[in-house]
Amino acid sequence: MHKVSNNDSRKEVDEINRLLNELFPITRSLTGPGNRETLRILQDLVPLEIREYPCGSDVYDWVIPAEWVIKDAYIKNECGDRIVDFKKSNLHVVGYSTPIEEDLPFASLCPHLHKIDAEGEVIPYRTTYYNRDWGFCVTQSQYDQLAKSEGLLSVKIDSELKEDGSMTVAELCIPGETTEEYLVSTYFCHPSMANDNLSGLLATAFLARDMLNAPRLRKSWRFVFVPETIGAIAYLNQNESEMMNLAGGLVVTNCGGPGQMGFKETFLSEHTVDKAICLAFREASIEPLRYPFVPDGSDERQYSSPAFRIPVASITKDKYYEYPEYHTSLDNLDFVTGSQIAESLVVYRRVLRILDSNQKFQSTQPFCEPHLGKRGMYPNVGGGINQTGSEPLADVESMMWILFLADGEQDLISISEKSGIRFAEIEFAADKLREVGLLDSAYPQEVQES
């Protein structure tokens, strides 16, 4: 699987920064032309298959809303000055606002204004997806200016809700040697905010490129790009049988901040995905924040819902809800950098590699340990094991752990976890044991078929 050299790493950071700058200004929502533009840009990185789901479609208990298109919006004072201007920040308009063009006194406008108590020029992020309404998000100083206006305020939102439109999603399915399949999902429904979730969007695209270019994949991988909540629900609805058979997955979100790395557990908390994440952090010498599963946050709620029960986790770097810039204009390109996203990619790549290489084995010699010496896999001179000054025995410790635990139930992740030996070393030793006929795969035949 793809490994990143120092030179490649610098190039990758530059590439991430370029894409951050290109994608950040685009107006995204649950639907609309900005979403399609975003996916078209990502298609230059990885060959995504783009799907359109018609608006008005029933998807379980939900209905895909009308497609939202916005061209301009502002609030002008009596002198004709734009106090609030959508063209300066797309966060200024409440997502899915209905069109309006009226002159209003401040008292009538005020219920449609959203602000937060914060120092500096901070614009909050708000939406009204499923309630036809309109509104503006403003800084405290803009609010004060509007409140002091003596005349009527000119209010305009040039938007359209297209009932005959569609919601855009994308996927990339990469087959492996087995039918065991993992999900990597992200969302792209937010306008100009960097950590939530351009960071996850770009990390997912880079991971997809890695797996597509990998010389060998044991597992199959499904990369999914959807608007949050309704997009995941619709994708599950349209791919129900395939999604019910997934082994586990990741929702990639909020992984580009300057803060400490962490992860949100799967709903099972000790699933293979959780263990792979813990191993990846251990091998990167990172002590992560650990967040227990709760049924809020992102699309793990949908993927892990009762009918599907896909164990899904998230690796984060400034997790949603946990940083003051969250869902404001301060979640910008000063807060998120390519190098910070690259730090998360290091851990994500380890996780994907571990999951893809993970296997269960059964010893072909389960009655006591096999004789490694006669196979040239053990020192000819005994007595020096673990003795001060003696040469370390290459792979012997790994092989002894594997042979002891190779009962058809323990996988390589569990063996690495219990032994404290790096996963790659366990994997290498298992390959050696299999080559000399001491291990058999414990996977059922139908999983071994490609």
Protein backbone atom coordinates (compact mmCIF):
# COMPACT_ATOMS: atom_id res chain seq x y z
CA MET A 1 0.00 0.00 0.00
CA HIS A 2 1.13 3.58 -0.68
CA LYS A 3 3.79 4.98 1.66
CA VAL A 4 4.56 8.70 1.70
CA SER A 5 8.22 9.79 1.61
CA ASN A 6 9.34 13.15 3.00
CA ASN A 7 9.43 14.61 -0.49
CA ASP A 8 6.02 13.12 -1.34
CA SER A 9 4.69 14.46 1.95
CA ARG A 10 5.71 18.02 1.08
CA LYS A 11 4.12 17.68 -2.34
CA GLU A 12 0.97 16.29 -0.78
CA VAL A 13 0.69 19.16 1.70
CA ASP A 14 1.04 21.61 -1.19
CA GLU A 15 -1.65 19.70 -3.10
CA ILE A 16 -4.01 19.75 -0.11
CA ASN A 17 -3.45 23.48 0.40
CA ARG A 18 -4.17 24.16 -3.27
CA LEU A 19 -7.44 22.23 -3.07
CA LEU A 20 -8.41 23.91 0.20
CA ASN A 21 -8.06 27.29 -1.47
CA GLU A 22 -9.99 26.15 -4.54
CA LEU A 23 -12.86 24.51 -2.64
CA PHE A 24 -13.25 26.87 0.32
CA PRO A 25 -15.18 29.69 -1.47
CA ILE A 26 -17.76 27.37 -3.06
CA THR A 27 -21.32 27.57 -1.75
CA ARG A 28 -22.38 24.04 -0.80
CA SER A 29 -25.58 22.80 0.82
CA LEU A 30 -27.69 19.64 0.77
CA THR A 31 -28.12 20.17 -2.97
CA GLY A 32 -27.18 22.61 -5.66
CA PRO A 33 -24.58 23.56 -8.26
CA GLY A 34 -21.85 24.12 -5.65
CA ASN A 35 -22.01 20.45 -4.69
CA ARG A 36 -21.57 19.36 -8.29
CA GLU A 37 -18.69 21.79 -8.77
CA THR A 38 -17.00 20.39 -5.67
CA LEU A 39 -17.25 16.80 -6.90
CA ARG A 40 -16.03 17.77 -10.38
CA ILE A 41 -12.89 19.23 -8.80
CA LEU A 42 -12.34 16.03 -6.82
CA GLN A 43 -12.71 13.98 -10.01
CA ASP A 44 -9.34 15.40 -11.07
CA LEU A 45 -7.91 13.59 -8.04
CA VAL A 46 -9.89 10.34 -8.12
CA PRO A 47 -12.44 8.89 -10.61
CA LEU A 48 -15.64 9.34 -8.62
CA GLU A 49 -18.92 7.98 -9.97
CA ILE A 50 -21.49 10.77 -9.56
CA ARG A 51 -25.16 9.91 -8.90
CA GLU A 52 -28.22 12.16 -8.87
CA TYR A 53 -31.18 11.34 -6.62
CA PRO A 54 -34.41 13.16 -7.63
CA CYS A 55 -35.85 15.71 -5.23
CA GLY A 56 -39.12 14.59 -3.70
CA SER A 57 -38.00 10.96 -3.50
CA ASP A 58 -39.04 9.06 -0.39
CA VAL A 59 -36.03 7.59 1.41
CA TYR A 60 -37.27 5.67 4.43
CA ASP A 61 -38.95 8.23 6.73
CA TRP A 62 -37.42 11.20 4.89
CA VAL A 63 -38.01 13.04 1.62
CA ILE A 64 -35.16 14.53 -0.41
CA PRO A 65 -35.82 18.29 -0.33
CA ALA A 66 -36.01 20.60 -3.31
CA GLU A 67 -32.72 21.67 -4.88
CA TRP A 68 -31.55 25.02 -3.49
CA VAL A 69 -29.89 27.53 -5.81
CA ILE A 70 -28.72 30.91 -4.58
CA LYS A 71 -27.26 33.72 -6.66
CA ASP A 72 -27.05 36.72 -4.35
CA ALA A 73 -28.26 38.14 -1.04
CA TYR A 74 -27.80 41.34 0.93
CA ILE A 75 -29.18 43.78 3.46
CA LYS A 76 -28.77 47.46 2.52
CA ASN A 77 -29.26 50.45 4.79
CA GLU A 78 -31.20 53.57 3.86
CA CYS A 79 -28.11 54.95 2.10
CA GLY A 80 -27.84 51.90 -0.15
CA ASP A 81 -24.74 50.48 1.56
CA ARG A 82 -24.56 46.70 1.79
CA ILE A 83 -24.24 46.03 5.50
CA VAL A 84 -24.56 42.27 4.97
CA ASP A 85 -23.30 40.81 1.69
CA PHE A 86 -23.54 37.16 0.61
CA LYS A 87 -20.80 37.77 -1.94
CA LYS A 88 -18.35 38.52 0.88
CA SER A 89 -19.29 35.41 2.87
CA ASN A 90 -21.71 32.65 1.90
CA LEU A 91 -22.28 32.01 5.62
CA HIS A 92 -24.31 35.23 5.75
CA VAL A 93 -27.41 33.48 4.37
CA VAL A 94 -29.24 30.80 6.34
CA GLY A 95 -28.96 27.66 4.24
CA TYR A 96 -32.08 26.89 2.20
CA SER A 97 -33.52 30.39 2.67
CA THR A 98 -36.56 31.09 0.54
CA PRO A 99 -36.43 34.13 -1.78
CA ILE A 100 -37.36 37.57 -0.50
CA GLU A 101 -37.11 41.13 -1.79
CA GLU A 102 -38.67 43.66 0.59
CA ASP A 103 -37.99 46.90 2.45
CA LEU A 104 -38.39 46.21 6.17
CA PRO A 105 -37.99 48.07 9.44
CA PHE A 106 -35.44 46.55 11.80
CA ALA A 107 -38.19 45.25 14.09
CA SER A 108 -39.53 43.06 11.26
CA LEU A 109 -36.05 41.97 10.14
CA CYS A 110 -34.73 41.15 13.61
CA PRO A 111 -36.47 37.73 14.02
CA HIS A 112 -34.67 36.62 10.86
CA LEU A 113 -31.17 37.57 12.11
CA HIS A 114 -28.81 35.09 13.76
CA LYS A 115 -25.72 36.05 15.72
CA ILE A 116 -23.59 34.69 18.52
CA ASP A 117 -21.96 36.39 21.48
CA ALA A 118 -18.32 36.41 20.48
CA GLU A 119 -15.46 38.84 20.24
CA GLY A 120 -14.48 39.94 16.76
CA GLU A 121 -16.27 39.59 13.44
CA VAL A 122 -17.80 36.13 13.81
CA ILE A 123 -20.56 34.86 11.52
CA PRO A 124 -22.50 31.79 12.74
CA TYR A 125 -23.64 28.98 10.43
CA ARG A 126 -27.36 28.20 10.37
CA THR A 127 -29.75 26.25 8.12
CA THR A 128 -33.47 25.75 7.59
CA TYR A 129 -33.53 22.67 5.39
CA TYR A 130 -36.97 21.31 6.28
CA ASN A 131 -38.81 24.48 7.27
CA ARG A 132 -39.51 27.02 4.55
CA ASP A 133 -38.14 30.26 5.96
CA TRP A 134 -35.38 32.79 5.34
CA GLY A 135 -32.69 34.44 7.39
CA PHE A 136 -29.28 36.05 7.66
CA CYS A 137 -26.30 35.28 9.87
CA VAL A 138 -24.46 38.39 10.99
CA THR A 139 -21.61 39.56 13.15
CA GLN A 140 -22.31 41.53 16.31
CA SER A 141 -21.12 44.77 14.68
CA GLN A 142 -23.39 44.22 11.66
CA TYR A 143 -26.30 43.56 13.99
CA ASP A 144 -25.57 46.80 15.85
CA GLN A 145 -25.40 48.75 12.59
CA LEU A 146 -28.72 47.35 11.43
CA ALA A 147 -30.34 48.04 14.81
CA LYS A 148 -29.27 51.71 14.60
CA SER A 149 -30.72 52.21 11.13
CA GLU A 150 -33.52 54.77 11.20
CA GLY A 151 -35.08 54.02 7.84
CA LEU A 152 -36.23 50.90 6.06
CA LEU A 153 -33.71 48.20 5.29
CA SER A 154 -33.59 46.71 1.80
CA VAL A 155 -33.58 42.91 2.13
CA LYS A 156 -32.97 40.56 -0.78
CA ILE A 157 -32.30 36.84 -1.11
CA ASP A 158 -32.12 35.78 -4.75
CA SER A 159 -32.69 32.05 -4.31
CA GLU A 160 -34.77 29.29 -5.85
CA LEU A 161 -36.09 25.95 -4.58
CA LYS A 162 -36.35 23.60 -7.57
CA GLU A 163 -38.80 20.78 -6.96
CA ASP A 164 -37.61 19.08 -10.17
CA GLY A 165 -33.96 19.20 -9.11
CA SER A 166 -31.78 16.51 -7.58
CA MET A 167 -29.35 15.74 -4.78
CA THR A 168 -25.82 14.84 -5.86
CA VAL A 169 -23.73 12.08 -4.30
CA ALA A 170 -20.58 10.26 -5.38
CA GLU A 171 -18.95 6.91 -4.77
CA LEU A 172 -15.90 4.90 -5.67
CA CYS A 173 -16.04 1.13 -5.13
CA ILE A 174 -12.67 -0.62 -5.29
CA PRO A 175 -12.83 -4.43 -5.36
CA GLY A 176 -10.25 -6.46 -3.47
CA GLU A 177 -9.31 -10.13 -3.36
CA THR A 178 -12.15 -10.92 -0.93
CA THR A 179 -15.76 -9.85 -0.61
CA GLU A 180 -15.17 -8.44 2.87
CA GLU A 181 -15.90 -4.73 2.37
CA TYR A 182 -15.27 -1.58 4.36
CA LEU A 183 -16.86 1.87 4.10
CA VAL A 184 -15.12 5.25 4.12
CA SER A 185 -17.70 8.04 4.06
CA THR A 186 -17.57 11.81 4.23
CA TYR A 187 -19.95 14.73 3.69
CA PHE A 188 -19.73 17.93 1.65
CA CYS A 189 -22.87 19.94 2.42
CA HIS A 190 -21.29 22.87 4.28
CA PRO A 191 -20.37 26.20 2.69
CA SER A 192 -17.13 28.00 3.53
CA MET A 193 -15.95 26.10 6.61
CA ALA A 194 -12.63 24.29 6.57
CA ASN A 195 -12.51 21.78 9.41
CA ASP A 196 -16.19 20.93 9.13
CA ASN A 197 -15.83 19.54 6.61
CA LEU A 198 -13.37 20.32 3.83
CA SER A 199 -10.79 18.50 5.94
CA GLY A 200 -12.77 15.26 5.87
CA LEU A 201 -13.70 15.67 2.22
CA LEU A 202 -10.09 16.03 1.12
CA ALA A 203 -8.77 13.33 3.46
CA THR A 204 -11.31 10.89 2.02
CA ALA A 205 -10.38 11.75 -1.55
CA PHE A 206 -6.68 11.20 -0.82
CA LEU A 207 -7.40 7.90 0.91
CA ALA A 208 -9.46 6.79 -2.08
CA ARG A 209 -6.56 7.60 -4.38
CA ASP A 210 -4.21 5.60 -2.16
CA MET A 211 -6.41 2.52 -2.25
CA LEU A 212 -7.05 2.82 -5.98
CA ASN A 213 -3.29 2.87 -6.61
CA ALA A 214 -2.45 0.10 -4.13
CA PRO A 215 -0.69 -2.84 -5.83
CA ARG A 216 -2.78 -5.33 -3.85
CA LEU A 217 -5.95 -5.10 -1.77
CA ARG A 218 -7.30 -8.02 0.24
CA LYS A 219 -10.53 -6.24 1.20
CA SER A 220 -12.97 -4.30 -0.93
CA TRP A 221 -13.42 -0.60 -0.24
CA ARG A 222 -16.42 1.67 -0.72
CA PHE A 223 -15.76 5.43 -0.66
CA VAL A 224 -18.92 7.53 -0.32
CA PHE A 225 -19.34 11.31 -0.64
CA VAL A 226 -22.77 12.57 0.45
CA PRO A 227 -24.55 15.53 2.00
CA GLU A 228 -24.75 14.87 5.73
CA THR A 229 -27.77 12.97 7.13
CA ILE A 230 -30.18 13.05 4.16
CA GLY A 231 -27.39 12.04 1.78
CA ALA A 232 -26.34 9.07 3.90
CA ILE A 233 -29.98 8.04 4.36
CA ALA A 234 -30.62 8.23 0.63
CA TYR A 235 -27.43 6.31 -0.17
CA LEU A 236 -28.38 3.56 2.26
CA ASN A 237 -31.84 3.45 0.71
CA GLN A 238 -30.44 3.13 -2.81
CA ASN A 239 -27.77 0.56 -1.86
CA GLU A 240 -29.55 -1.32 0.90
CA SER A 241 -28.46 -4.89 0.28
CA GLU A 242 -24.81 -3.99 -0.30
CA MET A 243 -24.66 -1.78 2.80
CA MET A 244 -26.14 -4.49 5.02
CA ASN A 245 -23.11 -6.66 4.29
CA LEU A 246 -20.34 -4.21 5.18
CA ALA A 247 -17.78 -5.27 7.78
CA GLY A 248 -17.27 -1.79 9.25
CA GLY A 249 -16.30 1.71 8.32
CA LEU A 250 -15.15 5.24 8.99
CA VAL A 251 -16.84 8.63 8.74
CA VAL A 252 -14.09 11.12 7.94
CA THR A 253 -14.84 14.50 9.49
CA ASN A 254 -13.23 17.38 11.36
CA CYS A 255 -9.65 16.14 10.93
CA GLY A 256 -7.77 19.32 10.01
CA GLY A 257 -7.64 21.53 13.10
CA PRO A 258 -4.54 22.47 15.14
CA GLY A 259 -5.69 20.59 18.25
CA GLN A 260 -5.17 17.12 19.66
CA MET A 261 -6.11 14.05 17.67
CA GLY A 262 -8.85 11.75 18.90
CA PHE A 263 -11.44 9.28 17.77
CA LYS A 264 -15.10 8.54 18.29
CA GLU A 265 -15.68 4.84 18.93
CA THR A 266 -18.03 2.60 17.00
CA PHE A 267 -21.28 1.74 18.76
CA LEU A 268 -19.65 -1.57 19.73
CA SER A 269 -16.58 0.21 21.20
CA GLU A 270 -14.33 -2.87 20.86
CA HIS A 271 -14.94 -3.73 17.22
CA THR A 272 -12.12 -4.52 14.79
CA VAL A 273 -12.33 -0.92 13.55
CA ASP A 274 -11.80 0.42 17.10
CA LYS A 275 -8.87 -1.93 17.61
CA ALA A 276 -7.29 -0.96 14.28
CA ILE A 277 -7.54 2.71 15.24
CA CYS A 278 -5.96 2.08 18.64
CA LEU A 279 -3.10 0.16 16.97
CA ALA A 280 -2.56 2.96 14.46
CA PHE A 281 -2.33 5.56 17.21
CA ARG A 282 -0.02 3.30 19.25
CA GLU A 283 2.32 2.81 16.31
CA ALA A 284 2.33 6.56 15.61
CA SER A 285 3.18 7.22 19.31
CA ILE A 286 0.07 9.38 19.68
CA GLU A 287 -2.13 9.36 22.78
CA PRO A 288 -5.56 10.24 21.36
CA LEU A 289 -8.63 11.69 22.98
CA ARG A 290 -11.24 8.93 23.05
CA TYR A 291 -14.91 9.76 22.65
CA PRO A 292 -17.52 7.08 23.43
CA PHE A 293 -20.24 6.49 20.87
CA VAL A 294 -23.38 8.60 21.27
CA PRO A 295 -26.19 8.75 18.67
CA ASP A 296 -25.44 12.29 17.52
CA GLY A 297 -22.68 13.90 15.53
CA SER A 298 -22.41 12.72 11.94
CA ASP A 299 -23.47 9.91 9.62
CA GLU A 300 -22.42 7.09 11.93
CA ARG A 301 -25.98 7.48 13.26
CA GLN A 302 -27.37 6.37 9.91
CA TYR A 303 -24.82 3.68 9.05
CA SER A 304 -25.11 2.13 12.53
CA SER A 305 -28.91 2.35 12.73
CA PRO A 306 -30.82 -0.85 13.68
CA ALA A 307 -31.37 -2.18 10.16
CA PHE A 308 -27.71 -1.79 9.13
CA ARG A 309 -25.58 -1.85 12.30
CA ILE A 310 -22.34 -1.02 10.46
CA PRO A 311 -19.69 -0.35 13.14
CA VAL A 312 -18.41 3.09 12.14
CA ALA A 313 -15.81 5.28 13.87
CA SER A 314 -14.25 8.70 13.21
CA ILE A 315 -10.68 9.93 13.68
CA THR A 316 -10.63 13.64 14.42
CA LYS A 317 -8.31 16.58 14.91
CA ASP A 318 -10.51 19.11 16.69
CA LYS A 319 -13.73 17.12 16.81
CA TYR A 320 -17.06 18.80 16.10
CA TYR A 321 -18.58 20.51 19.17
CA GLU A 322 -15.13 20.59 20.82
CA TYR A 323 -13.62 23.83 19.44
CA PRO A 324 -14.98 27.40 19.65
CA GLU A 325 -14.58 28.02 15.91
CA TYR A 326 -17.07 25.21 15.14
CA HIS A 327 -19.92 26.25 12.82
CA THR A 328 -18.66 29.81 12.49
CA SER A 329 -16.67 31.86 10.01
CA LEU A 330 -13.60 31.30 12.20
CA ASP A 331 -13.46 27.72 10.87
CA ASN A 332 -11.39 29.05 8.00
CA LEU A 333 -8.06 28.58 6.25
CA ASP A 334 -6.22 30.20 9.15
CA PHE A 335 -7.59 27.46 11.41
CA VAL A 336 -7.03 24.53 9.01
CA THR A 337 -3.87 23.81 7.01
CA GLY A 338 -2.74 21.13 4.63
CA SER A 339 -0.06 19.95 7.05
CA GLN A 340 -2.68 19.42 9.78
CA ILE A 341 -4.86 17.36 7.45
CA ALA A 342 -1.73 15.41 6.46
CA GLU A 343 -1.16 14.54 10.14
CA SER A 344 -4.60 12.92 10.25
CA LEU A 345 -3.94 11.16 6.95
CA VAL A 346 -0.93 9.43 8.53
CA VAL A 347 -3.20 7.78 11.10
CA TYR A 348 -6.04 7.09 8.66
CA ARG A 349 -3.60 5.40 6.26
CA ARG A 350 -2.34 3.15 9.04
CA VAL A 351 -5.91 2.20 9.91
CA LEU A 352 -6.82 1.34 6.32
CA ARG A 353 -3.64 -0.67 5.88
CA ILE A 354 -4.26 -2.61 9.11
CA LEU A 355 -7.88 -3.33 8.23
CA ASP A 356 -7.00 -4.37 4.70
CA SER A 357 -4.21 -6.73 5.81
CA ASN A 358 -6.02 -8.16 8.82
CA GLN A 359 -6.73 -11.90 8.69
CA LYS A 360 -7.55 -14.86 10.88
CA PHE A 361 -5.35 -17.93 10.72
CA GLN A 362 -5.50 -21.48 11.95
CA SER A 363 -2.39 -23.43 12.87
CA THR A 364 -1.83 -26.57 10.82
CA GLN A 365 0.03 -27.99 13.83
CA PRO A 366 -2.30 -27.18 16.75
CA PHE A 367 -1.03 -30.04 18.98
CA CYS A 368 1.73 -28.15 20.79
CA GLU A 369 4.04 -25.73 19.03
CA PRO A 370 5.60 -26.83 15.74
CA HIS A 371 9.32 -27.50 15.40
CA LEU A 372 10.60 -24.24 13.89
CA GLY A 373 14.25 -25.29 14.05
CA LYS A 374 13.92 -28.04 11.47
CA ARG A 375 12.43 -25.46 9.12
CA GLY A 376 15.37 -23.06 9.61
CA MET A 377 13.18 -20.60 11.52
CA TYR A 378 14.81 -20.90 14.94
CA PRO A 379 18.45 -20.48 16.14
CA ASN A 380 20.61 -23.56 15.95
CA VAL A 381 22.35 -22.62 19.22
CA GLY A 382 20.01 -22.41 22.21
CA GLY A 383 20.25 -20.67 25.56
CA GLY A 384 20.57 -17.06 24.43
CA ILE A 385 16.91 -16.05 24.18
CA ASN A 386 16.23 -12.76 25.96
CA GLN A 387 19.73 -12.80 27.50
CA THR A 388 21.55 -9.51 27.94
CA GLY A 389 23.99 -8.98 25.09
CA SER A 390 22.54 -11.72 22.90
CA GLU A 391 21.45 -10.99 19.36
CA PRO A 392 17.69 -10.46 18.95
CA LEU A 393 15.93 -13.31 17.19
CA ALA A 394 14.42 -11.96 14.00
CA ASP A 395 10.69 -12.69 13.79
CA VAL A 396 10.83 -15.54 16.35
CA GLU A 397 8.83 -13.69 18.99
CA SER A 398 6.24 -12.70 16.40
CA MET A 399 5.98 -16.25 15.09
CA MET A 400 5.62 -17.72 18.59
CA TRP A 401 2.75 -15.32 19.36
CA ILE A 402 1.03 -16.09 16.07
CA LEU A 403 1.33 -19.86 16.45
CA PHE A 404 0.05 -19.69 20.02
CA LEU A 405 -3.00 -17.62 19.07
CA ALA A 406 -3.71 -19.12 15.63
CA ASP A 407 -6.92 -20.87 16.67
CA GLY A 408 -9.11 -19.52 13.86
CA GLU A 409 -10.68 -16.93 16.18
CA GLN A 410 -7.81 -14.49 16.78
CA ASP A 411 -6.96 -12.08 13.98
CA LEU A 412 -3.66 -10.31 13.32
CA ILE A 413 -4.97 -7.15 15.01
CA SER A 414 -5.64 -9.08 18.23
CA ILE A 415 -2.21 -10.73 18.06
CA SER A 416 -0.49 -7.37 17.59
CA GLU A 417 -2.59 -5.90 20.38
CA LYS A 418 -1.79 -8.70 22.85
CA SER A 419 1.89 -9.06 21.97
CA GLY A 420 2.74 -5.36 21.75
CA ILE A 421 4.51 -6.08 18.46
CA ARG A 422 3.92 -3.76 15.50
CA PHE A 423 1.22 -4.94 13.13
CA ALA A 424 3.53 -4.96 10.08
CA GLU A 425 5.94 -7.28 11.89
CA ILE A 426 3.12 -9.64 12.84
CA GLU A 427 1.86 -9.61 9.26
CA PHE A 428 5.36 -10.34 7.88
CA ALA A 429 5.88 -13.24 10.29
CA ALA A 430 2.44 -14.67 9.43
CA ASP A 431 3.36 -14.63 5.74
CA LYS A 432 6.55 -16.59 6.52
CA LEU A 433 4.60 -19.17 8.52
CA ARG A 434 2.06 -19.56 5.76
CA GLU A 435 4.80 -20.04 3.16
CA VAL A 436 6.14 -23.08 5.07
CA GLY A 437 2.65 -24.51 5.56
CA LEU A 438 2.22 -23.80 9.28
CA LEU A 439 -0.80 -21.50 8.86
CA ASP A 440 -4.05 -21.74 6.93
CA SER A 441 -6.49 -18.91 6.37
CA ALA A 442 -9.49 -19.20 8.67
CA TYR A 443 -11.78 -17.25 6.36
CA PRO A 444 -14.77 -19.14 4.98
CA GLN A 445 -14.50 -20.10 1.33
CA GLU A 446 -17.05 -17.56 0.09
CA VAL A 447 -14.99 -14.71 1.55
CA GLN A 448 -11.81 -15.93 -0.12
CA GLU A 449 -13.38 -15.76 -3.55
CA SER A 450 -12.68 -12.52 -5.40
